[in-house]
């Protein structure tokens, strides 16, 4: 009801390897996690996939940037993980996103 027939819904989810190095460093394992398919199932009754794109790049983060990134995630609430993070001075971290452009079914 909110999106017109000509409108589009843009959905962005973390890619499989988003922050995988950070997860490995603070949680002890960095397993790929696919959220794309699950996300699309939530919209399939009302939208069709018009386009999708993956963005992926690696950045070298210092302690302060790692702390900020860590605080923005669910991992920020884990005390033991925060203690492990405090021991890291720099880390190459993959930032990965899956973008979907969905159009309403009419």
PDB file of N, CA and C in Angstrom:
ATOM      1  N   UNK A   1       0.804  -1.198   0.000  1.00  0.00           N
ATOM      2  CA  UNK A   1       0.000   0.000   0.000  1.00  0.00           C
ATOM      3  C   UNK A   1       0.849   1.265   0.000  1.00  0.00           C
ATOM      4  N   UNK A   2       2.057   1.163   0.484  1.00  0.00           N
ATOM      5  CA  UNK A   2       2.899   2.345   0.597  1.00  0.00           C
ATOM      6  C   UNK A   2       3.675   2.610  -0.687  1.00  0.00           C
ATOM      7  N   UNK A   3       4.059   1.580  -1.399  1.00  0.00           N
ATOM      8  CA  UNK A   3       4.859   1.727  -2.610  1.00  0.00           C
ATOM      9  C   UNK A   3       3.944   1.667  -3.825  1.00  0.00           C
ATOM     10  N   UNK A   4       4.064   2.664  -4.692  1.00  0.00           N
ATOM     11  CA  UNK A   4       3.259   2.678  -5.908  1.00  0.00           C
ATOM     12  C   UNK A   4       3.735   1.581  -6.858  1.00  0.00           C
ATOM     13  N   UNK A   5       2.953   1.332  -7.887  1.00  0.00           N
ATOM     14  CA  UNK A   5       3.307   0.300  -8.865  1.00  0.00           C
ATOM     15  C   UNK A   5       4.630   0.613  -9.553  1.00  0.00           C
ATOM     16  N   UNK A   6       4.959   1.891  -9.665  1.00  0.00           N
ATOM     17  CA  UNK A   6       6.217   2.305 -10.291  1.00  0.00           C
ATOM     18  C   UNK A   6       7.367   2.397  -9.285  1.00  0.00           C
ATOM     19  N   UNK A   7       7.068   2.269  -8.013  1.00  0.00           N
ATOM     20  CA  UNK A   7       8.077   2.404  -6.960  1.00  0.00           C
ATOM     21  C   UNK A   7       8.949   1.170  -6.822  1.00  0.00           C
ATOM     22  N   UNK A   8       9.984   1.291  -6.040  1.00  0.00           N
ATOM     23  CA  UNK A   8      10.897   0.181  -5.785  1.00  0.00           C
ATOM     24  C   UNK A   8      11.245   0.133  -4.300  1.00  0.00           C
ATOM     25  N   UNK A   9      11.517  -1.067  -3.830  1.00  0.00           N
ATOM     26  CA  UNK A   9      11.982  -1.284  -2.467  1.00  0.00           C
ATOM     27  C   UNK A   9      13.433  -1.723  -2.546  1.00  0.00           C
ATOM     28  N   UNK A  10      14.304  -1.008  -1.866  1.00  0.00           N
ATOM     29  CA  UNK A  10      15.720  -1.352  -1.823  1.00  0.00           C
ATOM     30  C   UNK A  10      16.005  -2.004  -0.472  1.00  0.00           C
ATOM     31  N   UNK A  11      16.569  -3.200  -0.516  1.00  0.00           N
ATOM     32  CA  UNK A  11      16.898  -3.944   0.701  1.00  0.00           C
ATOM     33  C   UNK A  11      18.390  -4.248   0.668  1.00  0.00           C
ATOM     34  N   UNK A  12      19.054  -3.964   1.778  1.00  0.00           N
ATOM     35  CA  UNK A  12      20.494  -4.224   1.886  1.00  0.00           C
ATOM     36  C   UNK A  12      20.722  -5.141   3.083  1.00  0.00           C
ATOM     37  N   UNK A  13      21.444  -6.240   2.853  1.00  0.00           N
ATOM     38  CA  UNK A  13      21.795  -7.166   3.934  1.00  0.00           C
ATOM     39  C   UNK A  13      23.300  -7.398   3.909  1.00  0.00           C
ATOM     40  N   UNK A  14      23.874  -7.748   5.044  1.00  0.00           N
ATOM     41  CA  UNK A  14      25.306  -8.053   5.054  1.00  0.00           C
ATOM     42  C   UNK A  14      25.613  -9.230   4.134  1.00  0.00           C
ATOM     43  N   UNK A  15      26.749  -9.167   3.457  1.00  0.00           N
ATOM     44  CA  UNK A  15      27.199 -10.269   2.615  1.00  0.00           C
ATOM     45  C   UNK A  15      27.691 -11.430   3.458  1.00  0.00           C
ATOM     46  N   UNK A  16      27.915 -12.555   2.809  1.00  0.00           N
ATOM     47  CA  UNK A  16      28.349 -13.777   3.505  1.00  0.00           C
ATOM     48  C   UNK A  16      29.602 -13.570   4.333  1.00  0.00           C
ATOM     49  N   UNK A  17      30.530 -12.789   3.821  1.00  0.00           N
ATOM     50  CA  UNK A  17      31.818 -12.623   4.506  1.00  0.00           C
ATOM     51  C   UNK A  17      31.975 -11.251   5.172  1.00  0.00           C
ATOM     52  N   UNK A  18      30.859 -10.562   5.407  1.00  0.00           N
ATOM     53  CA  UNK A  18      30.935  -9.259   6.054  1.00  0.00           C
ATOM     54  C   UNK A  18      31.571  -9.384   7.441  1.00  0.00           C
ATOM     55  N   UNK A  19      32.622  -8.647   7.662  1.00  0.00           N
ATOM     56  CA  UNK A  19      33.340  -8.600   8.946  1.00  0.00           C
ATOM     57  C   UNK A  19      33.843  -9.972   9.401  1.00  0.00           C
ATOM     58  N   UNK A  20      34.103 -10.853   8.474  1.00  0.00           N
ATOM     59  CA  UNK A  20      34.483 -12.224   8.825  1.00  0.00           C
ATOM     60  C   UNK A  20      35.787 -12.269   9.626  1.00  0.00           C
ATOM     61  N   UNK A  21      36.719 -11.383   9.306  1.00  0.00           N
ATOM     62  CA  UNK A  21      37.992 -11.345  10.047  1.00  0.00           C
ATOM     63  C   UNK A  21      37.776 -10.888  11.497  1.00  0.00           C
ATOM     64  N   UNK A  22      36.885  -9.926  11.668  1.00  0.00           N
ATOM     65  CA  UNK A  22      36.575  -9.442  13.011  1.00  0.00           C
ATOM     66  C   UNK A  22      35.873 -10.538  13.823  1.00  0.00           C
ATOM     67  N   UNK A  23      34.956 -11.237  13.188  1.00  0.00           N
ATOM     68  CA  UNK A  23      34.274 -12.341  13.880  1.00  0.00           C
ATOM     69  C   UNK A  23      35.266 -13.417  14.297  1.00  0.00           C
ATOM     70  N   UNK A  24      36.213 -13.713  13.416  1.00  0.00           N
ATOM     71  CA  UNK A  24      37.216 -14.731  13.753  1.00  0.00           C
ATOM     72  C   UNK A  24      38.100 -14.261  14.910  1.00  0.00           C
ATOM     73  N   UNK A  25      38.497 -13.004  14.872  1.00  0.00           N
ATOM     74  CA  UNK A  25      39.396 -12.480  15.900  1.00  0.00           C
ATOM     75  C   UNK A  25      38.754 -12.429  17.278  1.00  0.00           C
ATOM     76  N   UNK A  26      37.477 -12.068  17.342  1.00  0.00           N
ATOM     77  CA  UNK A  26      36.866 -11.887  18.663  1.00  0.00           C
ATOM     78  C   UNK A  26      35.992 -13.052  19.106  1.00  0.00           C
ATOM     79  N   UNK A  27      35.507 -13.835  18.150  1.00  0.00           N
ATOM     80  CA  UNK A  27      34.647 -14.959  18.520  1.00  0.00           C
ATOM     81  C   UNK A  27      35.331 -16.311  18.368  1.00  0.00           C
ATOM     82  N   UNK A  28      36.502 -16.306  17.724  1.00  0.00           N
ATOM     83  CA  UNK A  28      37.243 -17.545  17.556  1.00  0.00           C
ATOM     84  C   UNK A  28      36.937 -18.283  16.267  1.00  0.00           C
ATOM     85  N   UNK A  29      35.888 -17.855  15.555  1.00  0.00           N
ATOM     86  CA  UNK A  29      35.587 -18.457  14.255  1.00  0.00           C
ATOM     87  C   UNK A  29      34.899 -17.418  13.382  1.00  0.00           C
ATOM     88  N   UNK A  30      35.184 -17.506  12.092  1.00  0.00           N
ATOM     89  CA  UNK A  30      34.607 -16.577  11.136  1.00  0.00           C
ATOM     90  C   UNK A  30      33.932 -17.332  10.017  1.00  0.00           C
ATOM     91  N   UNK A  31      32.791 -17.880  10.293  1.00  0.00           N
ATOM     92  CA  UNK A  31      32.080 -18.680   9.292  1.00  0.00           C
ATOM     93  C   UNK A  31      31.231 -17.784   8.392  1.00  0.00           C
ATOM     94  N   UNK A  32      31.237 -18.054   7.081  1.00  0.00           N
ATOM     95  CA  UNK A  32      30.366 -17.293   6.181  1.00  0.00           C
ATOM     96  C   UNK A  32      28.898 -17.493   6.578  1.00  0.00           C
ATOM     97  N   UNK A  33      28.121 -16.438   6.468  1.00  0.00           N
ATOM     98  CA  UNK A  33      26.720 -16.491   6.866  1.00  0.00           C
ATOM     99  C   UNK A  33      25.874 -15.882   5.757  1.00  0.00           C
ATOM    100  N   UNK A  34      25.102 -16.707   5.061  1.00  0.00           N
ATOM    101  CA  UNK A  34      24.285 -16.226   3.941  1.00  0.00           C
ATOM    102  C   UNK A  34      22.922 -15.760   4.443  1.00  0.00           C
ATOM    103  N   UNK A  35      22.666 -14.469   4.307  1.00  0.00           N
ATOM    104  CA  UNK A  35      21.389 -13.895   4.731  1.00  0.00           C
ATOM    105  C   UNK A  35      20.505 -13.528   3.536  1.00  0.00           C
ATOM    106  N   UNK A  36      21.063 -13.589   2.334  1.00  0.00           N
ATOM    107  CA  UNK A  36      20.362 -13.120   1.138  1.00  0.00           C
ATOM    108  C   UNK A  36      19.092 -13.922   0.859  1.00  0.00           C
ATOM    109  N   UNK A  37      19.208 -15.229   0.784  1.00  0.00           N
ATOM    110  CA  UNK A  37      18.058 -16.064   0.434  1.00  0.00           C
ATOM    111  C   UNK A  37      16.947 -15.943   1.461  1.00  0.00           C
ATOM    112  N   UNK A  38      17.304 -15.974   2.731  1.00  0.00           N
ATOM    113  CA  UNK A  38      16.316 -15.848   3.797  1.00  0.00           C
ATOM    114  C   UNK A  38      15.597 -14.510   3.716  1.00  0.00           C
ATOM    115  N   UNK A  39      16.350 -13.460   3.435  1.00  0.00           N
ATOM    116  CA  UNK A  39      15.757 -12.127   3.340  1.00  0.00           C
ATOM    117  C   UNK A  39      14.752 -12.067   2.200  1.00  0.00           C
ATOM    118  N   UNK A  40      15.109 -12.608   1.053  1.00  0.00           N
ATOM    119  CA  UNK A  40      14.204 -12.565  -0.095  1.00  0.00           C
ATOM    120  C   UNK A  40      12.899 -13.308   0.162  1.00  0.00           C
ATOM    121  N   UNK A  41      12.939 -14.365   0.946  1.00  0.00           N
ATOM    122  CA  UNK A  41      11.710 -15.123   1.219  1.00  0.00           C
ATOM    123  C   UNK A  41      10.679 -14.278   1.960  1.00  0.00           C
ATOM    124  N   UNK A  42      11.125 -13.277   2.696  1.00  0.00           N
ATOM    125  CA  UNK A  42      10.197 -12.398   3.420  1.00  0.00           C
ATOM    126  C   UNK A  42       9.406 -11.490   2.480  1.00  0.00           C
ATOM    127  N   UNK A  43       9.904 -11.268   1.287  1.00  0.00           N
ATOM    128  CA  UNK A  43       9.295 -10.318   0.367  1.00  0.00           C
ATOM    129  C   UNK A  43       8.631 -10.965  -0.841  1.00  0.00           C
ATOM    130  N   UNK A  44       8.843 -12.259  -1.044  1.00  0.00           N
ATOM    131  CA  UNK A  44       8.449 -12.933  -2.282  1.00  0.00           C
ATOM    132  C   UNK A  44       6.939 -12.884  -2.557  1.00  0.00           C
ATOM    133  N   UNK A  45       6.110 -12.788  -1.542  1.00  0.00           N
ATOM    134  CA  UNK A  45       4.659 -12.757  -1.748  1.00  0.00           C
ATOM    135  C   UNK A  45       4.172 -11.421  -2.307  1.00  0.00           C
ATOM    136  N   UNK A  46       4.958 -10.370  -2.139  1.00  0.00           N
ATOM    137  CA  UNK A  46       4.504  -9.037  -2.533  1.00  0.00           C
ATOM    138  C   UNK A  46       5.426  -8.319  -3.520  1.00  0.00           C
ATOM    139  N   UNK A  47       6.626  -8.882  -3.749  1.00  0.00           N
ATOM    140  CA  UNK A  47       7.602  -8.223  -4.615  1.00  0.00           C
ATOM    141  C   UNK A  47       8.301  -9.245  -5.511  1.00  0.00           C
ATOM    142  N   UNK A  48       8.782  -8.757  -6.638  1.00  0.00           N
ATOM    143  CA  UNK A  48       9.646  -9.577  -7.484  1.00  0.00           C
ATOM    144  C   UNK A  48      11.020  -8.926  -7.530  1.00  0.00           C
ATOM    145  N   UNK A  49      12.032  -9.747  -7.682  1.00  0.00           N
ATOM    146  CA  UNK A  49      13.399  -9.259  -7.729  1.00  0.00           C
ATOM    147  C   UNK A  49      13.666  -8.641  -9.097  1.00  0.00           C
ATOM    148  N   UNK A  50      13.985  -7.366  -9.109  1.00  0.00           N
ATOM    149  CA  UNK A  50      14.280  -6.678 -10.358  1.00  0.00           C
ATOM    150  C   UNK A  50      15.782  -6.664 -10.637  1.00  0.00           C
ATOM    151  N   UNK A  51      16.572  -6.499  -9.581  1.00  0.00           N
ATOM    152  CA  UNK A  51      18.017  -6.392  -9.749  1.00  0.00           C
ATOM    153  C   UNK A  51      18.688  -6.708  -8.421  1.00  0.00           C
ATOM    154  N   UNK A  52      19.906  -7.182  -8.495  1.00  0.00           N
ATOM    155  CA  UNK A  52      20.690  -7.380  -7.278  1.00  0.00           C
ATOM    156  C   UNK A  52      22.141  -7.057  -7.576  1.00  0.00           C
ATOM    157  N   UNK A  53      22.830  -6.641  -6.530  1.00  0.00           N
ATOM    158  CA  UNK A  53      24.233  -6.279  -6.675  1.00  0.00           C
ATOM    159  C   UNK A  53      24.954  -6.614  -5.377  1.00  0.00           C
ATOM    160  N   UNK A  54      26.202  -7.022  -5.520  1.00  0.00           N
ATOM    161  CA  UNK A  54      27.037  -7.300  -4.348  1.00  0.00           C
ATOM    162  C   UNK A  54      28.169  -6.287  -4.303  1.00  0.00           C
ATOM    163  N   UNK A  55      28.392  -5.766  -3.127  1.00  0.00           N
ATOM    164  CA  UNK A  55      29.503  -4.846  -2.903  1.00  0.00           C
ATOM    165  C   UNK A  55      30.430  -5.484  -1.888  1.00  0.00           C
ATOM    166  N   UNK A  56      31.720  -5.411  -2.158  1.00  0.00           N
ATOM    167  CA  UNK A  56      32.683  -6.034  -1.249  1.00  0.00           C
ATOM    168  C   UNK A  56      34.003  -5.290  -1.358  1.00  0.00           C
ATOM    169  N   UNK A  57      34.542  -4.918  -0.215  1.00  0.00           N
ATOM    170  CA  UNK A  57      35.865  -4.302  -0.176  1.00  0.00           C
ATOM    171  C   UNK A  57      36.492  -4.562   1.181  1.00  0.00           C
ATOM    172  N   UNK A  58      37.803  -4.387   1.254  1.00  0.00           N
ATOM    173  CA  UNK A  58      38.535  -4.615   2.488  1.00  0.00           C
ATOM    174  C   UNK A  58      39.145  -3.307   2.956  1.00  0.00           C
ATOM    175  N   UNK A  59      39.047  -3.058   4.250  1.00  0.00           N
ATOM    176  CA  UNK A  59      39.623  -1.854   4.844  1.00  0.00           C
ATOM    177  C   UNK A  59      40.545  -2.254   5.990  1.00  0.00           C
ATOM    178  N   UNK A  60      41.577  -1.455   6.205  1.00  0.00           N
ATOM    179  CA  UNK A  60      42.481  -1.679   7.330  1.00  0.00           C
ATOM    180  C   UNK A  60      42.044  -0.741   8.440  1.00  0.00           C
ATOM    181  N   UNK A  61      41.603  -1.308   9.554  1.00  0.00           N
ATOM    182  CA  UNK A  61      41.046  -0.511  10.650  1.00  0.00           C
ATOM    183  C   UNK A  61      41.969  -0.510  11.857  1.00  0.00           C
ATOM    184  N   UNK A  62      42.080   0.664  12.487  1.00  0.00           N
ATOM    185  CA  UNK A  62      42.859   0.772  13.718  1.00  0.00           C
ATOM    186  C   UNK A  62      41.966   0.431  14.916  1.00  0.00           C
ATOM    187  N   UNK A  63      42.530   0.504  16.092  1.00  0.00           N
ATOM    188  CA  UNK A  63      41.824   0.116  17.310  1.00  0.00           C
ATOM    189  C   UNK A  63      40.507   0.852  17.488  1.00  0.00           C
ATOM    190  N   UNK A  64      40.533   2.161  17.293  1.00  0.00           N
ATOM    191  CA  UNK A  64      39.324   2.966  17.495  1.00  0.00           C
ATOM    192  C   UNK A  64      38.226   2.596  16.495  1.00  0.00           C
ATOM    193  N   UNK A  65      38.591   2.433  15.224  1.00  0.00           N
ATOM    194  CA  UNK A  65      37.604   2.056  14.206  1.00  0.00           C
ATOM    195  C   UNK A  65      37.063   0.651  14.455  1.00  0.00           C
ATOM    196  N   UNK A  66      37.922  -0.263  14.876  1.00  0.00           N
ATOM    197  CA  UNK A  66      37.466  -1.614  15.209  1.00  0.00           C
ATOM    198  C   UNK A  66      36.484  -1.589  16.369  1.00  0.00           C
ATOM    199  N   UNK A  67      36.781  -0.778  17.365  1.00  0.00           N
ATOM    200  CA  UNK A  67      35.893  -0.653  18.523  1.00  0.00           C
ATOM    201  C   UNK A  67      34.529  -0.104  18.094  1.00  0.00           C
ATOM    202  N   UNK A  68      34.527   0.899  17.202  1.00  0.00           N
ATOM    203  CA  UNK A  68      33.270   1.464  16.712  1.00  0.00           C
ATOM    204  C   UNK A  68      32.468   0.432  15.925  1.00  0.00           C
ATOM    205  N   UNK A  69      33.135  -0.280  15.030  1.00  0.00           N
ATOM    206  CA  UNK A  69      32.462  -1.299  14.230  1.00  0.00           C
ATOM    207  C   UNK A  69      31.905  -2.401  15.122  1.00  0.00           C
ATOM    208  N   UNK A  70      32.673  -2.802  16.079  1.00  0.00           N
ATOM    209  CA  UNK A  70      32.274  -3.840  17.031  1.00  0.00           C
ATOM    210  C   UNK A  70      31.051  -3.406  17.834  1.00  0.00           C
ATOM    211  N   UNK A  71      31.021  -2.143  18.248  1.00  0.00           N
ATOM    212  CA  UNK A  71      29.912  -1.632  19.057  1.00  0.00           C
ATOM    213  C   UNK A  71      28.599  -1.590  18.268  1.00  0.00           C
ATOM    214  N   UNK A  72      28.687  -1.482  16.952  1.00  0.00           N
ATOM    215  CA  UNK A  72      27.487  -1.415  16.118  1.00  0.00           C
ATOM    216  C   UNK A  72      26.854  -2.771  15.867  1.00  0.00           C
ATOM    217  N   UNK A  73      27.508  -3.830  16.279  1.00  0.00           N
ATOM    218  CA  UNK A  73      26.997  -5.164  16.004  1.00  0.00           C
ATOM    219  C   UNK A  73      26.538  -5.841  17.288  1.00  0.00           C
ATOM    220  N   UNK A  74      25.883  -6.957  17.117  1.00  0.00           N
ATOM    221  CA  UNK A  74      25.469  -7.748  18.268  1.00  0.00           C
ATOM    222  C   UNK A  74      26.671  -8.199  19.095  1.00  0.00           C
ATOM    223  N   UNK A  75      27.834  -8.284  18.456  1.00  0.00           N
ATOM    224  CA  UNK A  75      29.031  -8.731  19.161  1.00  0.00           C
ATOM    225  C   UNK A  75      29.460  -7.724  20.223  1.00  0.00           C
ATOM    226  N   UNK A  76      28.999  -6.488  20.086  1.00  0.00           N
ATOM    227  CA  UNK A  76      29.381  -5.453  21.036  1.00  0.00           C
ATOM    228  C   UNK A  76      28.898  -5.715  22.446  1.00  0.00           C
ATOM    229  N   UNK A  77      27.907  -6.567  22.585  1.00  0.00           N
ATOM    230  CA  UNK A  77      27.350  -6.848  23.910  1.00  0.00           C
ATOM    231  C   UNK A  77      28.085  -7.965  24.650  1.00  0.00           C
ATOM    232  N   UNK A  78      29.029  -8.600  24.014  1.00  0.00           N
ATOM    233  CA  UNK A  78      29.733  -9.727  24.633  1.00  0.00           C
ATOM    234  C   UNK A  78      31.033  -9.260  25.287  1.00  0.00           C
ATOM    235  N   UNK A  79      31.105  -9.378  26.590  1.00  0.00           N
ATOM    236  CA  UNK A  79      32.262  -8.888  27.343  1.00  0.00           C
ATOM    237  C   UNK A  79      33.557  -9.597  26.946  1.00  0.00           C
ATOM    238  N   UNK A  80      33.505 -10.905  26.836  1.00  0.00           N
ATOM    239  CA  UNK A  80      34.701 -11.675  26.503  1.00  0.00           C
ATOM    240  C   UNK A  80      35.225 -11.288  25.115  1.00  0.00           C
ATOM    241  N   UNK A  81      34.311 -11.076  24.173  1.00  0.00           N
ATOM    242  CA  UNK A  81      34.720 -10.657  22.831  1.00  0.00           C
ATOM    243  C   UNK A  81      35.344  -9.260  22.874  1.00  0.00           C
ATOM    244  N   UNK A  82      34.802  -8.384  23.690  1.00  0.00           N
ATOM    245  CA  UNK A  82      35.356  -7.030  23.823  1.00  0.00           C
ATOM    246  C   UNK A  82      36.771  -7.077  24.387  1.00  0.00           C
ATOM    247  N   UNK A  83      37.028  -7.996  25.288  1.00  0.00           N
ATOM    248  CA  UNK A  83      38.373  -8.145  25.850  1.00  0.00           C
ATOM    249  C   UNK A  83      39.357  -8.613  24.776  1.00  0.00           C
ATOM    250  N   UNK A  84      38.923  -9.520  23.913  1.00  0.00           N
ATOM    251  CA  UNK A  84      39.788  -9.970  22.812  1.00  0.00           C
ATOM    252  C   UNK A  84      40.048  -8.840  21.826  1.00  0.00           C
ATOM    253  N   UNK A  85      39.033  -8.047  21.570  1.00  0.00           N
ATOM    254  CA  UNK A  85      39.169  -6.930  20.644  1.00  0.00           C
ATOM    255  C   UNK A  85      40.188  -5.913  21.144  1.00  0.00           C
ATOM    256  N   UNK A  86      40.236  -5.706  22.443  1.00  0.00           N
ATOM    257  CA  UNK A  86      41.161  -4.735  23.028  1.00  0.00           C
ATOM    258  C   UNK A  86      42.624  -5.097  22.754  1.00  0.00           C
ATOM    259  N   UNK A  87      42.904  -6.343  22.420  1.00  0.00           N
ATOM    260  CA  UNK A  87      44.269  -6.791  22.150  1.00  0.00           C
ATOM    261  C   UNK A  87      44.707  -6.569  20.693  1.00  0.00           C
ATOM    262  N   UNK A  88      43.776  -6.141  19.845  1.00  0.00           N
ATOM    263  CA  UNK A  88      44.070  -5.964  18.418  1.00  0.00           C
ATOM    264  C   UNK A  88      44.333  -4.492  18.133  1.00  0.00           C
ATOM    265  N   UNK A  89      45.490  -4.209  17.508  1.00  0.00           N
ATOM    266  CA  UNK A  89      45.810  -2.810  17.193  1.00  0.00           C
ATOM    267  C   UNK A  89      45.393  -2.441  15.767  1.00  0.00           C
ATOM    268  N   UNK A  90      45.452  -3.361  14.841  1.00  0.00           N
ATOM    269  CA  UNK A  90      45.041  -3.124  13.446  1.00  0.00           C
ATOM    270  C   UNK A  90      44.539  -4.447  12.872  1.00  0.00           C
ATOM    271  N   UNK A  91      43.609  -4.329  11.917  1.00  0.00           N
ATOM    272  CA  UNK A  91      43.071  -5.537  11.310  1.00  0.00           C
ATOM    273  C   UNK A  91      42.460  -5.193   9.952  1.00  0.00           C
ATOM    274  N   UNK A  92      42.757  -6.010   8.946  1.00  0.00           N
ATOM    275  CA  UNK A  92      42.079  -5.895   7.659  1.00  0.00           C
ATOM    276  C   UNK A  92      40.717  -6.553   7.811  1.00  0.00           C
ATOM    277  N   UNK A  93      39.664  -5.803   7.478  1.00  0.00           N
ATOM    278  CA  UNK A  93      38.298  -6.294   7.654  1.00  0.00           C
ATOM    279  C   UNK A  93      37.533  -6.176   6.335  1.00  0.00           C
ATOM    280  N   UNK A  94      36.870  -7.244   5.956  1.00  0.00           N
ATOM    281  CA  UNK A  94      36.030  -7.255   4.767  1.00  0.00           C
ATOM    282  C   UNK A  94      34.671  -6.650   5.104  1.00  0.00           C
ATOM    283  N   UNK A  95      34.253  -5.692   4.286  1.00  0.00           N
ATOM    284  CA  UNK A  95      32.905  -5.137   4.389  1.00  0.00           C
ATOM    285  C   UNK A  95      32.169  -5.583   3.133  1.00  0.00           C
ATOM    286  N   UNK A  96      31.077  -6.279   3.312  1.00  0.00           N
ATOM    287  CA  UNK A  96      30.400  -6.935   2.210  1.00  0.00           C
ATOM    288  C   UNK A  96      28.886  -6.750   2.354  1.00  0.00           C
ATOM    289  N   UNK A  97      28.238  -6.391   1.242  1.00  0.00           N
ATOM    290  CA  UNK A  97      26.797  -6.129   1.274  1.00  0.00           C
ATOM    291  C   UNK A  97      26.132  -6.735   0.050  1.00  0.00           C
ATOM    292  N   UNK A  98      24.892  -7.132   0.224  1.00  0.00           N
ATOM    293  CA  UNK A  98      24.070  -7.648  -0.864  1.00  0.00           C
ATOM    294  C   UNK A  98      22.880  -6.703  -0.976  1.00  0.00           C
ATOM    295  N   UNK A  99      22.741  -6.065  -2.132  1.00  0.00           N
ATOM    296  CA  UNK A  99      21.662  -5.109  -2.365  1.00  0.00           C
ATOM    297  C   UNK A  99      20.623  -5.713  -3.301  1.00  0.00           C
ATOM    298  N   UNK A 100      19.363  -5.537  -2.952  1.00  0.00           N
ATOM    299  CA  UNK A 100      18.268  -6.026  -3.775  1.00  0.00           C
ATOM    300  C   UNK A 100      17.351  -4.874  -4.154  1.00  0.00           C
ATOM    301  N   UNK A 101      16.963  -4.842  -5.406  1.00  0.00           N
ATOM    302  CA  UNK A 101      15.959  -3.895  -5.866  1.00  0.00           C
ATOM    303  C   UNK A 101      14.706  -4.723  -6.186  1.00  0.00           C
ATOM    304  N   UNK A 102      13.639  -4.464  -5.446  1.00  0.00           N
ATOM    305  CA  UNK A 102      12.419  -5.236  -5.588  1.00  0.00           C
ATOM    306  C   UNK A 102      11.296  -4.342  -6.123  1.00  0.00           C
ATOM    307  N   UNK A 103      10.484  -4.883  -7.005  1.00  0.00           N
ATOM    308  CA  UNK A 103       9.338  -4.125  -7.491  1.00  0.00           C
ATOM    309  C   UNK A 103       8.052  -4.812  -7.035  1.00  0.00           C
ATOM    310  N   UNK A 104       7.043  -4.012  -6.751  1.00  0.00           N
ATOM    311  CA  UNK A 104       5.790  -4.588  -6.243  1.00  0.00           C
ATOM    312  C   UNK A 104       5.102  -5.441  -7.296  1.00  0.00           C
ATOM    313  N   UNK A 105       4.478  -6.518  -6.834  1.00  0.00           N
ATOM    314  CA  UNK A 105       3.649  -7.335  -7.709  1.00  0.00           C
ATOM    315  C   UNK A 105       2.300  -6.638  -7.844  1.00  0.00           C
ATOM    316  N   UNK A 106       1.788  -6.563  -9.027  1.00  0.00           N
ATOM    317  CA  UNK A 106       0.462  -5.919  -9.244  1.00  0.00           C
ATOM    318  C   UNK A 106      -0.344  -6.732 -10.205  1.00  0.00           C
TER     319      UNK A 106
END
